Amino acid sequence: MDRVVFHAAVILAILAATTPAAFAQSMGSVAVDGAIIWRSDAGVPAAVASQGTVLELTGRSERWYEVIIPEQLGGRGDRGVIAIGQVTLVEGAEPPPFRTLPGSPPIAQTPQPRPPARGALAEPRVALRPFGQVGLRGFTARRSFDALFGEPRGAVFGGGLQLRFRPGVYVQGSIERFRDTGQRVFVFDGTIFPLGIADTVTIDAIALTAGSRFPLTRRVWPYGGGGIGTYRLRERSRFDEPSERVDRRQTGFQVHGGAEFTTVRWLAIAGEALYTIVPDALGRGGVSAEVDEHDLGGWQLQMKVLLGR
């Protein structure tokens, strides 16, 4: 009787000593986000575990752990398998017993990438984007244009193509036009006299510019750049003599800056300011010569709509 009591005490002591170790050996923590737990009775996903999820491990093979699917992942005591490379054993633990795991997928599952955050838009390495633009231009030759049109500013319309590269560099070509009809004037002794004769001025600009852009937020990209352009000035009036007609081209330069706002994956809206210098384009005759104004450039505020990614 004493021997039986002794043996029972030894067995109870062994169980008491080994139970915490056995518990520790059966626990693991998921090491990656989006780890798939597969059903043991079929090669289909049973749950997706996030990083840090603690799982009870009940067995292992060469590439898989058998686990009890947690209740927070929809489990009801049923079991599944997860790739060994996606689980880290808890500190001080050892792997669970090795055995054959029925129903495990034939190949090891690679970690699933975390889905992009809401609103983050992946950009292609290279993109060609057409755009349209409308703006308001204020001319450096204020007195000349104010005399013709009653104000030194007017609307411009245009468009172009932008070639954008993922590091943030872009190159673009654009065309735009300003056209307005005022009246001929006569300047005498510094005084401007309207003549009541319709006079139409057209300015066509073709520009090639480059710049860089950077993300301020996921959808807001400030940018800036500059470039060169050619500007054609034409002036027509009903009673013009051939020698009085104006049609000339001049090279100019511009700098610009703004911010682009991505609305959806294929559409962006930009607000932009630019300043243009077109020296020696005016002052060869007429009111601009009288008031000593020569620059056809000026400031411009415009809105652009860009299509494509």
C-alpha atoms as a PDB file:
ATOM      1  CA  MET A   1       0.000   0.000   0.000  1.00  0.00           C
ATOM      2  CA  ASP A   2       2.841   2.333   0.854  1.00  0.00           C
ATOM      3  CA  ARG A   3       4.440   1.517  -2.525  1.00  0.00           C
ATOM      4  CA  VAL A   4       1.224   2.424  -4.410  1.00  0.00           C
ATOM      5  CA  VAL A   5       0.957   5.734  -2.541  1.00  0.00           C
ATOM      6  CA  PHE A   6       4.607   6.438  -3.319  1.00  0.00           C
ATOM      7  CA  HIS A   7       4.181   5.739  -7.038  1.00  0.00           C
ATOM      8  CA  ALA A   8       1.034   7.915  -7.201  1.00  0.00           C
ATOM      9  CA  ALA A   9       2.834  10.796  -5.526  1.00  0.00           C
ATOM     10  CA  VAL A  10       5.697  10.525  -8.016  1.00  0.00           C
ATOM     11  CA  ILE A  11       3.301  10.569 -10.974  1.00  0.00           C
ATOM     12  CA  LEU A  12       1.433  13.596  -9.609  1.00  0.00           C
ATOM     13  CA  ALA A  13       4.723  15.439  -9.083  1.00  0.00           C
ATOM     14  CA  ILE A  14       5.822  14.696 -12.642  1.00  0.00           C
ATOM     15  CA  LEU A  15       2.479  15.913 -14.054  1.00  0.00           C
ATOM     16  CA  ALA A  16       2.621  19.082 -11.966  1.00  0.00           C
ATOM     17  CA  ALA A  17       6.144  19.812 -13.199  1.00  0.00           C
ATOM     18  CA  THR A  18       5.507  19.102 -16.866  1.00  0.00           C
ATOM     19  CA  THR A  19       2.054  20.693 -17.350  1.00  0.00           C
ATOM     20  CA  PRO A  20       3.265  24.345 -17.600  1.00  0.00           C
ATOM     21  CA  ALA A  21       6.030  23.283 -19.975  1.00  0.00           C
ATOM     22  CA  ALA A  22       3.562  21.401 -22.137  1.00  0.00           C
ATOM     23  CA  PHE A  23       1.334  24.461 -22.222  1.00  0.00           C
ATOM     24  CA  ALA A  24       4.266  26.689 -23.182  1.00  0.00           C
ATOM     25  CA  GLN A  25       5.330  24.262 -25.902  1.00  0.00           C
ATOM     26  CA  SER A  26       1.928  24.462 -27.566  1.00  0.00           C
ATOM     27  CA  MET A  27       1.682  28.251 -28.037  1.00  0.00           C
ATOM     28  CA  GLY A  28       2.912  30.427 -30.928  1.00  0.00           C
ATOM     29  CA  SER A  29       2.503  34.017 -32.133  1.00  0.00           C
ATOM     30  CA  VAL A  30       1.714  34.986 -35.730  1.00  0.00           C
ATOM     31  CA  ALA A  31       4.728  36.864 -37.150  1.00  0.00           C
ATOM     32  CA  VAL A  32       3.173  38.516 -40.246  1.00  0.00           C
ATOM     33  CA  ASP A  33      -0.020  40.280 -41.196  1.00  0.00           C
ATOM     34  CA  GLY A  34      -2.500  38.453 -43.377  1.00  0.00           C
ATOM     35  CA  ALA A  35      -1.367  34.924 -42.451  1.00  0.00           C
ATOM     36  CA  ILE A  36      -3.847  32.322 -43.734  1.00  0.00           C
ATOM     37  CA  ILE A  37      -5.036  29.453 -41.544  1.00  0.00           C
ATOM     38  CA  TRP A  38      -6.156  26.612 -43.801  1.00  0.00           C
ATOM     39  CA  ARG A  39      -8.858  24.119 -42.956  1.00  0.00           C
ATOM     40  CA  SER A  40      -7.536  20.705 -42.002  1.00  0.00           C
ATOM     41  CA  ASP A  41     -10.306  18.826 -43.810  1.00  0.00           C
ATOM     42  CA  ALA A  42      -9.938  20.740 -47.108  1.00  0.00           C
ATOM     43  CA  GLY A  43      -7.343  22.880 -48.839  1.00  0.00           C
ATOM     44  CA  VAL A  44      -9.321  26.116 -48.456  1.00  0.00           C
ATOM     45  CA  PRO A  45      -8.712  29.140 -46.177  1.00  0.00           C
ATOM     46  CA  ALA A  46     -10.472  29.047 -42.822  1.00  0.00           C
ATOM     47  CA  ALA A  47      -9.317  32.391 -41.344  1.00  0.00           C
ATOM     48  CA  VAL A  48      -6.841  35.238 -41.765  1.00  0.00           C
ATOM     49  CA  ALA A  49      -4.718  36.118 -38.726  1.00  0.00           C
ATOM     50  CA  SER A  50      -3.017  39.442 -38.056  1.00  0.00           C
ATOM     51  CA  GLN A  51       0.467  39.875 -36.631  1.00  0.00           C
ATOM     52  CA  GLY A  52       0.639  39.109 -32.916  1.00  0.00           C
ATOM     53  CA  THR A  53      -2.316  36.705 -32.812  1.00  0.00           C
ATOM     54  CA  VAL A  54      -1.580  33.912 -30.301  1.00  0.00           C
ATOM     55  CA  LEU A  55      -2.398  30.380 -31.482  1.00  0.00           C
ATOM     56  CA  GLU A  56      -2.504  27.054 -29.697  1.00  0.00           C
ATOM     57  CA  LEU A  57      -0.289  24.597 -31.584  1.00  0.00           C
ATOM     58  CA  THR A  58      -1.295  20.947 -31.511  1.00  0.00           C
ATOM     59  CA  GLY A  59       1.055  19.362 -34.031  1.00  0.00           C
ATOM     60  CA  ARG A  60       3.540  19.983 -36.825  1.00  0.00           C
ATOM     61  CA  SER A  61       4.907  18.600 -40.057  1.00  0.00           C
ATOM     62  CA  GLU A  62       7.932  19.734 -42.083  1.00  0.00           C
ATOM     63  CA  ARG A  63       6.199  22.912 -43.274  1.00  0.00           C
ATOM     64  CA  TRP A  64       3.012  23.307 -41.221  1.00  0.00           C
ATOM     65  CA  TYR A  65       1.707  23.799 -37.692  1.00  0.00           C
ATOM     66  CA  GLU A  66      -1.650  22.378 -36.721  1.00  0.00           C
ATOM     67  CA  VAL A  67      -3.551  24.963 -34.658  1.00  0.00           C
ATOM     68  CA  ILE A  68      -6.870  25.450 -32.936  1.00  0.00           C
ATOM     69  CA  ILE A  69      -8.633  28.313 -34.725  1.00  0.00           C
ATOM     70  CA  PRO A  70      -9.315  31.068 -32.144  1.00  0.00           C
ATOM     71  CA  GLU A  71     -12.876  32.131 -31.422  1.00  0.00           C
ATOM     72  CA  GLN A  72     -12.108  35.731 -32.439  1.00  0.00           C
ATOM     73  CA  LEU A  73     -11.309  34.405 -35.928  1.00  0.00           C
ATOM     74  CA  GLY A  74     -14.540  32.444 -36.172  1.00  0.00           C
ATOM     75  CA  GLY A  75     -13.258  29.169 -34.771  1.00  0.00           C
ATOM     76  CA  ARG A  76     -15.404  26.825 -32.672  1.00  0.00           C
ATOM     77  CA  GLY A  77     -12.756  24.425 -31.470  1.00  0.00           C
ATOM     78  CA  ASP A  78     -11.997  23.195 -34.983  1.00  0.00           C
ATOM     79  CA  ARG A  79      -8.451  22.893 -36.245  1.00  0.00           C
ATOM     80  CA  GLY A  80      -6.469  24.241 -39.156  1.00  0.00           C
ATOM     81  CA  VAL A  81      -2.924  24.472 -40.417  1.00  0.00           C
ATOM     82  CA  ILE A  82      -0.614  27.467 -40.871  1.00  0.00           C
ATOM     83  CA  ALA A  83       2.823  27.742 -42.491  1.00  0.00           C
ATOM     84  CA  ILE A  84       5.653  27.305 -40.001  1.00  0.00           C
ATOM     85  CA  GLY A  85       7.454  30.361 -41.371  1.00  0.00           C
ATOM     86  CA  GLN A  86       4.537  32.560 -40.310  1.00  0.00           C
ATOM     87  CA  VAL A  87       4.582  31.617 -36.621  1.00  0.00           C
ATOM     88  CA  THR A  88       7.084  32.349 -33.864  1.00  0.00           C
ATOM     89  CA  LEU A  89       7.048  30.120 -30.793  1.00  0.00           C
ATOM     90  CA  VAL A  90       6.494  31.881 -27.488  1.00  0.00           C
ATOM     91  CA  GLU A  91       9.579  32.503 -25.409  1.00  0.00           C
ATOM     92  CA  GLY A  92      10.954  29.324 -23.907  1.00  0.00           C
ATOM     93  CA  ALA A  93       8.617  27.069 -25.886  1.00  0.00           C
ATOM     94  CA  GLU A  94       9.487  24.100 -28.084  1.00  0.00           C
ATOM     95  CA  PRO A  95       7.691  22.903 -31.220  1.00  0.00           C
ATOM     96  CA  PRO A  96       4.650  20.669 -30.758  1.00  0.00           C
ATOM     97  CA  PRO A  97       4.921  16.942 -31.541  1.00  0.00           C
ATOM     98  CA  PHE A  98       5.810  15.993 -35.104  1.00  0.00           C
ATOM     99  CA  ARG A  99       3.144  14.027 -36.988  1.00  0.00           C
ATOM    100  CA  THR A 100       1.390  13.729 -40.327  1.00  0.00           C
ATOM    101  CA  LEU A 101      -1.166  16.503 -40.853  1.00  0.00           C
ATOM    102  CA  PRO A 102      -4.047  15.459 -43.112  1.00  0.00           C
ATOM    103  CA  GLY A 103      -5.546  18.093 -45.362  1.00  0.00           C
ATOM    104  CA  SER A 104      -2.562  20.488 -45.363  1.00  0.00           C
ATOM    105  CA  PRO A 105      -2.024  22.410 -48.615  1.00  0.00           C
ATOM    106  CA  PRO A 106       0.542  20.835 -50.956  1.00  0.00           C
ATOM    107  CA  ILE A 107       2.838  23.913 -51.057  1.00  0.00           C
ATOM    108  CA  ALA A 108       3.997  26.337 -48.400  1.00  0.00           C
ATOM    109  CA  GLN A 109       2.016  29.542 -48.301  1.00  0.00           C
ATOM    110  CA  THR A 110       3.915  32.811 -48.721  1.00  0.00           C
ATOM    111  CA  PRO A 111       3.085  35.765 -46.491  1.00  0.00           C
ATOM    112  CA  GLN A 112       0.229  37.871 -47.775  1.00  0.00           C
ATOM    113  CA  PRO A 113       1.096  41.569 -48.292  1.00  0.00           C
ATOM    114  CA  ARG A 114      -0.805  44.040 -46.191  1.00  0.00           C
ATOM    115  CA  PRO A 115      -3.457  45.755 -48.304  1.00  0.00           C
ATOM    116  CA  PRO A 116      -2.702  49.401 -49.107  1.00  0.00           C
ATOM    117  CA  ALA A 117      -4.122  51.985 -46.759  1.00  0.00           C
ATOM    118  CA  ARG A 118      -7.377  53.538 -47.799  1.00  0.00           C
ATOM    119  CA  GLY A 119      -6.782  56.353 -50.235  1.00  0.00           C
ATOM    120  CA  ALA A 120      -3.201  55.355 -51.119  1.00  0.00           C
ATOM    121  CA  LEU A 121      -2.879  55.253 -54.896  1.00  0.00           C
ATOM    122  CA  ALA A 122      -0.036  53.277 -56.446  1.00  0.00           C
ATOM    123  CA  GLU A 123       1.606  55.114 -59.349  1.00  0.00           C
ATOM    124  CA  PRO A 124       3.087  53.566 -62.493  1.00  0.00           C
ATOM    125  CA  ARG A 125       6.782  53.931 -63.191  1.00  0.00           C
ATOM    126  CA  VAL A 126       6.088  56.048 -66.291  1.00  0.00           C
ATOM    127  CA  ALA A 127       2.800  57.724 -67.247  1.00  0.00           C
ATOM    128  CA  LEU A 128       1.624  59.889 -70.149  1.00  0.00           C
ATOM    129  CA  ARG A 129      -1.192  62.200 -69.095  1.00  0.00           C
ATOM    130  CA  PRO A 130      -3.157  64.627 -71.272  1.00  0.00           C
ATOM    131  CA  PHE A 131      -4.448  67.766 -69.589  1.00  0.00           C
ATOM    132  CA  GLY A 132      -6.584  70.808 -70.197  1.00  0.00           C
ATOM    133  CA  GLN A 133      -6.225  74.180 -68.522  1.00  0.00           C
ATOM    134  CA  VAL A 134      -8.016  77.504 -68.132  1.00  0.00           C
ATOM    135  CA  GLY A 135      -6.625  80.571 -66.449  1.00  0.00           C
ATOM    136  CA  LEU A 136      -6.400  84.294 -65.957  1.00  0.00           C
ATOM    137  CA  ARG A 137      -3.392  86.205 -67.250  1.00  0.00           C
ATOM    138  CA  GLY A 138      -2.258  89.635 -66.078  1.00  0.00           C
ATOM    139  CA  PHE A 139       0.108  91.362 -68.518  1.00  0.00           C
ATOM    140  CA  THR A 140       3.342  93.091 -67.594  1.00  0.00           C
ATOM    141  CA  ALA A 141       2.476  95.704 -70.263  1.00  0.00           C
ATOM    142  CA  ARG A 142      -0.386  96.992 -68.157  1.00  0.00           C
ATOM    143  CA  ARG A 143      -0.896 100.371 -69.862  1.00  0.00           C
ATOM    144  CA  SER A 144      -0.861  98.907 -73.377  1.00  0.00           C
ATOM    145  CA  PHE A 145      -3.488  96.226 -72.704  1.00  0.00           C
ATOM    146  CA  ASP A 146      -5.559  98.481 -70.470  1.00  0.00           C
ATOM    147  CA  ALA A 147      -5.742 101.020 -73.320  1.00  0.00           C
ATOM    148  CA  LEU A 148      -6.879  98.338 -75.819  1.00  0.00           C
ATOM    149  CA  PHE A 149      -9.294  96.295 -73.682  1.00  0.00           C
ATOM    150  CA  GLY A 150     -10.129  98.460 -70.677  1.00  0.00           C
ATOM    151  CA  GLU A 151      -8.241  96.106 -68.309  1.00  0.00           C
ATOM    152  CA  PRO A 152      -4.719  94.621 -68.276  1.00  0.00           C
ATOM    153  CA  ARG A 153      -5.794  90.978 -67.955  1.00  0.00           C
ATOM    154  CA  GLY A 154      -7.813  88.289 -69.690  1.00  0.00           C
ATOM    155  CA  ALA A 155      -8.689  84.601 -69.955  1.00  0.00           C
ATOM    156  CA  VAL A 156      -6.415  81.959 -71.494  1.00  0.00           C
ATOM    157  CA  PHE A 157      -7.272  78.424 -72.580  1.00  0.00           C
ATOM    158  CA  GLY A 158      -5.028  75.504 -73.473  1.00  0.00           C
ATOM    159  CA  GLY A 159      -3.910  71.936 -72.983  1.00  0.00           C
ATOM    160  CA  GLY A 160      -1.030  69.560 -73.470  1.00  0.00           C
ATOM    161  CA  LEU A 161       0.669  66.289 -72.592  1.00  0.00           C
ATOM    162  CA  GLN A 162       2.685  65.483 -69.494  1.00  0.00           C
ATOM    163  CA  LEU A 163       5.228  62.658 -69.282  1.00  0.00           C
ATOM    164  CA  ARG A 164       5.631  61.739 -65.622  1.00  0.00           C
ATOM    165  CA  PHE A 165       8.200  59.474 -64.007  1.00  0.00           C
ATOM    166  CA  ARG A 166       7.775  57.752 -60.627  1.00  0.00           C
ATOM    167  CA  PRO A 167      10.733  59.434 -58.848  1.00  0.00           C
ATOM    168  CA  GLY A 168       8.805  62.699 -59.160  1.00  0.00           C
ATOM    169  CA  VAL A 169      10.181  64.179 -62.397  1.00  0.00           C
ATOM    170  CA  TYR A 170       7.926  65.338 -65.215  1.00  0.00           C
ATOM    171  CA  VAL A 171       8.306  66.865 -68.684  1.00  0.00           C
ATOM    172  CA  GLN A 172       5.387  68.468 -70.481  1.00  0.00           C
ATOM    173  CA  GLY A 173       4.465  70.309 -73.633  1.00  0.00           C
ATOM    174  CA  SER A 174       1.553  72.743 -73.752  1.00  0.00           C
ATOM    175  CA  ILE A 175      -0.256  75.118 -76.075  1.00  0.00           C
ATOM    176  CA  GLU A 176      -2.523  77.972 -75.033  1.00  0.00           C
ATOM    177  CA  ARG A 177      -4.290  80.987 -76.488  1.00  0.00           C
ATOM    178  CA  PHE A 178      -5.340  84.434 -75.387  1.00  0.00           C
ATOM    179  CA  ARG A 179      -7.765  86.310 -77.635  1.00  0.00           C
ATOM    180  CA  ASP A 180      -9.715  89.487 -76.976  1.00  0.00           C
ATOM    181  CA  THR A 181     -11.229  92.324 -78.991  1.00  0.00           C
ATOM    182  CA  GLY A 182     -10.876  95.935 -77.908  1.00  0.00           C
ATOM    183  CA  GLN A 183     -10.453  99.106 -79.924  1.00  0.00           C
ATOM    184  CA  ARG A 184      -7.703 101.036 -81.606  1.00  0.00           C
ATOM    185  CA  VAL A 185      -6.315 103.988 -79.686  1.00  0.00           C
ATOM    186  CA  PHE A 186      -4.261 107.059 -80.488  1.00  0.00           C
ATOM    187  CA  VAL A 187      -1.693 108.462 -78.083  1.00  0.00           C
ATOM    188  CA  PHE A 188      -0.946 112.187 -78.116  1.00  0.00           C
ATOM    189  CA  ASP A 189       1.206 113.930 -75.596  1.00  0.00           C
ATOM    190  CA  GLY A 190       0.810 111.042 -73.130  1.00  0.00           C
ATOM    191  CA  THR A 191      -2.980 111.016 -73.428  1.00  0.00           C
ATOM    192  CA  ILE A 192      -4.763 107.952 -74.888  1.00  0.00           C
ATOM    193  CA  PHE A 193      -7.723 108.586 -77.193  1.00  0.00           C
ATOM    194  CA  PRO A 194     -10.009 105.638 -78.185  1.00  0.00           C
ATOM    195  CA  LEU A 195     -10.797 105.536 -81.912  1.00  0.00           C
ATOM    196  CA  GLY A 196     -13.842 103.227 -81.790  1.00  0.00           C
ATOM    197  CA  ILE A 197     -12.297 100.816 -84.329  1.00  0.00           C
ATOM    198  CA  ALA A 198     -12.450  97.122 -83.311  1.00  0.00           C
ATOM    199  CA  ASP A 199      -9.019  95.610 -82.763  1.00  0.00           C
ATOM    200  CA  THR A 200      -8.467  91.887 -82.070  1.00  0.00           C
ATOM    201  CA  VAL A 201      -5.286  90.647 -80.378  1.00  0.00           C
ATOM    202  CA  THR A 202      -4.355  86.950 -80.378  1.00  0.00           C
ATOM    203  CA  ILE A 203      -1.427  85.458 -78.447  1.00  0.00           C
ATOM    204  CA  ASP A 204      -0.544  81.801 -79.093  1.00  0.00           C
ATOM    205  CA  ALA A 205       2.023  80.161 -76.835  1.00  0.00           C
ATOM    206  CA  ILE A 206       3.824  76.825 -77.212  1.00  0.00           C
ATOM    207  CA  ALA A 207       5.917  75.853 -74.180  1.00  0.00           C
ATOM    208  CA  LEU A 208       8.181  72.987 -73.154  1.00  0.00           C
ATOM    209  CA  THR A 209       8.725  72.727 -69.412  1.00  0.00           C
ATOM    210  CA  ALA A 210      10.089  70.301 -66.819  1.00  0.00           C
ATOM    211  CA  GLY A 211       9.896  70.037 -63.072  1.00  0.00           C
ATOM    212  CA  SER A 212       9.575  67.818 -60.015  1.00  0.00           C
ATOM    213  CA  ARG A 213       6.763  66.850 -57.684  1.00  0.00           C
ATOM    214  CA  PHE A 214       6.607  65.261 -54.225  1.00  0.00           C
ATOM    215  CA  PRO A 215       3.842  63.840 -52.030  1.00  0.00           C
ATOM    216  CA  LEU A 216       2.661  66.095 -49.221  1.00  0.00           C
ATOM    217  CA  THR A 217      -0.106  63.589 -48.389  1.00  0.00           C
ATOM    218  CA  ARG A 218      -1.411  60.529 -50.186  1.00  0.00           C
ATOM    219  CA  ARG A 219      -3.451  62.692 -52.554  1.00  0.00           C
ATOM    220  CA  VAL A 220      -1.719  66.087 -52.564  1.00  0.00           C
ATOM    221  CA  TRP A 221       1.435  66.609 -54.660  1.00  0.00           C
ATOM    222  CA  PRO A 222       3.076  70.063 -54.710  1.00  0.00           C
ATOM    223  CA  TYR A 223       5.269  70.680 -57.763  1.00  0.00           C
ATOM    224  CA  GLY A 224       7.411  73.311 -59.440  1.00  0.00           C
ATOM    225  CA  GLY A 225       9.443  73.816 -62.575  1.00  0.00           C
ATOM    226  CA  GLY A 226      10.184  76.012 -65.548  1.00  0.00           C
ATOM    227  CA  GLY A 227      11.006  76.049 -69.215  1.00  0.00           C
ATOM    228  CA  ILE A 228      11.050  77.853 -72.535  1.00  0.00           C
ATOM    229  CA  GLY A 229       8.394  78.748 -75.083  1.00  0.00           C
ATOM    230  CA  THR A 230       7.609  80.547 -78.293  1.00  0.00           C
ATOM    231  CA  TYR A 231       4.937  83.272 -78.339  1.00  0.00           C
ATOM    232  CA  ARG A 232       3.137  84.527 -81.437  1.00  0.00           C
ATOM    233  CA  LEU A 233       1.448  87.920 -81.288  1.00  0.00           C
ATOM    234  CA  ARG A 234      -1.134  88.868 -83.937  1.00  0.00           C
ATOM    235  CA  GLU A 235      -3.200  92.050 -84.147  1.00  0.00           C
ATOM    236  CA  ARG A 236      -6.002  92.591 -86.654  1.00  0.00           C
ATOM    237  CA  SER A 237      -8.365  95.473 -87.331  1.00  0.00           C
ATOM    238  CA  ARG A 238     -11.010  95.932 -90.014  1.00  0.00           C
ATOM    239  CA  PHE A 239      -9.328  98.886 -91.703  1.00  0.00           C
ATOM    240  CA  ASP A 240      -5.737  97.651 -91.457  1.00  0.00           C
ATOM    241  CA  GLU A 241      -3.331  98.219 -94.283  1.00  0.00           C
ATOM    242  CA  PRO A 242      -1.070  95.195 -94.924  1.00  0.00           C
ATOM    243  CA  SER A 243       1.866  97.129 -93.494  1.00  0.00           C
ATOM    244  CA  GLU A 244      -0.051  97.832 -90.282  1.00  0.00           C
ATOM    245  CA  ARG A 245      -0.817  94.241 -89.412  1.00  0.00           C
ATOM    246  CA  VAL A 246       1.147  92.760 -86.529  1.00  0.00           C
ATOM    247  CA  ASP A 247       2.347  89.138 -86.708  1.00  0.00           C
ATOM    248  CA  ARG A 248       5.537  88.306 -84.880  1.00  0.00           C
ATOM    249  CA  ARG A 249       7.099  85.531 -82.784  1.00  0.00           C
ATOM    250  CA  GLN A 250       9.337  85.833 -79.784  1.00  0.00           C
ATOM    251  CA  THR A 251      11.052  83.405 -77.407  1.00  0.00           C
ATOM    252  CA  GLY A 252      10.071  83.569 -73.758  1.00  0.00           C
ATOM    253  CA  PHE A 253      10.746  81.865 -70.442  1.00  0.00           C
ATOM    254  CA  GLN A 254       8.532  80.767 -67.586  1.00  0.00           C
ATOM    255  CA  VAL A 255       8.593  79.400 -64.038  1.00  0.00           C
ATOM    256  CA  HIS A 256       5.603  77.718 -62.459  1.00  0.00           C
ATOM    257  CA  GLY A 257       4.455  76.045 -59.279  1.00  0.00           C
ATOM    258  CA  GLY A 258       1.311  74.555 -57.819  1.00  0.00           C
ATOM    259  CA  ALA A 259      -0.300  71.581 -56.161  1.00  0.00           C
ATOM    260  CA  GLU A 260      -1.984  68.558 -57.710  1.00  0.00           C
ATOM    261  CA  PHE A 261      -4.970  66.930 -55.992  1.00  0.00           C
ATOM    262  CA  THR A 262      -5.797  63.335 -56.932  1.00  0.00           C
ATOM    263  CA  THR A 263      -9.565  62.797 -56.902  1.00  0.00           C
ATOM    264  CA  VAL A 264      -9.802  59.262 -58.291  1.00  0.00           C
ATOM    265  CA  ARG A 265      -7.168  56.930 -59.721  1.00  0.00           C
ATOM    266  CA  TRP A 266      -7.383  58.378 -63.257  1.00  0.00           C
ATOM    267  CA  LEU A 267      -8.258  62.032 -62.566  1.00  0.00           C
ATOM    268  CA  ALA A 268      -6.374  64.885 -60.872  1.00  0.00           C
ATOM    269  CA  ILE A 269      -7.001  68.617 -60.520  1.00  0.00           C
ATOM    270  CA  ALA A 270      -4.182  71.132 -60.103  1.00  0.00           C
ATOM    271  CA  GLY A 271      -4.042  74.767 -59.093  1.00  0.00           C
ATOM    272  CA  GLU A 272      -1.054  76.521 -60.645  1.00  0.00           C
ATOM    273  CA  ALA A 273       0.655  79.915 -60.747  1.00  0.00           C
ATOM    274  CA  LEU A 274       3.241  80.894 -63.338  1.00  0.00           C
ATOM    275  CA  TYR A 275       5.256  83.882 -64.400  1.00  0.00           C
ATOM    276  CA  THR A 276       6.368  84.485 -67.978  1.00  0.00           C
ATOM    277  CA  ILE A 277       8.985  86.788 -69.479  1.00  0.00           C
ATOM    278  CA  VAL A 278       8.797  87.508 -73.229  1.00  0.00           C
ATOM    279  CA  PRO A 279      11.282  90.366 -73.756  1.00  0.00           C
ATOM    280  CA  ASP A 280      11.259  92.691 -76.777  1.00  0.00           C
ATOM    281  CA  ALA A 281       7.932  91.380 -78.079  1.00  0.00           C
ATOM    282  CA  LEU A 282       6.264  94.822 -77.852  1.00  0.00           C
ATOM    283  CA  GLY A 283       7.273  98.427 -78.276  1.00  0.00           C
ATOM    284  CA  ARG A 284       7.897  98.352 -82.044  1.00  0.00           C
ATOM    285  CA  GLY A 285       4.929 100.571 -82.804  1.00  0.00           C
ATOM    286  CA  GLY A 286       1.493 101.644 -81.614  1.00  0.00           C
ATOM    287  CA  VAL A 287       0.517 102.333 -78.031  1.00  0.00           C
ATOM    288  CA  SER A 288       3.176 100.017 -76.512  1.00  0.00           C
ATOM    289  CA  ALA A 289       5.932 102.025 -78.182  1.00  0.00           C
ATOM    290  CA  GLU A 290       4.414 105.265 -76.919  1.00  0.00           C
ATOM    291  CA  VAL A 291       4.231 104.073 -73.304  1.00  0.00           C
ATOM    292  CA  ASP A 292       7.610 102.292 -73.520  1.00  0.00           C
ATOM    293  CA  GLU A 293       6.415  98.739 -72.738  1.00  0.00           C
ATOM    294  CA  HIS A 294       8.245  95.817 -74.330  1.00  0.00           C
ATOM    295  CA  ASP A 295       7.500  92.613 -72.369  1.00  0.00           C
ATOM    296  CA  LEU A 296       4.604  90.414 -73.526  1.00  0.00           C
ATOM    297  CA  GLY A 297       4.784  88.224 -70.416  1.00  0.00           C
ATOM    298  CA  GLY A 298       3.154  88.506 -67.028  1.00  0.00           C
ATOM    299  CA  TRP A 299       1.604  86.450 -64.236  1.00  0.00           C
ATOM    300  CA  GLN A 300      -1.016  83.732 -64.669  1.00  0.00           C
ATOM    301  CA  LEU A 301      -3.296  81.746 -62.354  1.00  0.00           C
ATOM    302  CA  GLN A 302      -4.852  78.624 -63.808  1.00  0.00           C
ATOM    303  CA  MET A 303      -6.596  75.345 -63.099  1.00  0.00           C
ATOM    304  CA  LYS A 304      -5.550  72.114 -64.802  1.00  0.00           C
ATOM    305  CA  VAL A 305      -7.413  68.835 -65.206  1.00  0.00           C
ATOM    306  CA  LEU A 306      -5.148  65.822 -65.805  1.00  0.00           C
ATOM    307  CA  LEU A 307      -6.294  62.421 -67.034  1.00  0.00           C
ATOM    308  CA  GLY A 308      -4.493  59.147 -66.356  1.00  0.00           C
ATOM    309  CA  ARG A 309      -2.440  57.756 -63.477  1.00  0.00           C
END
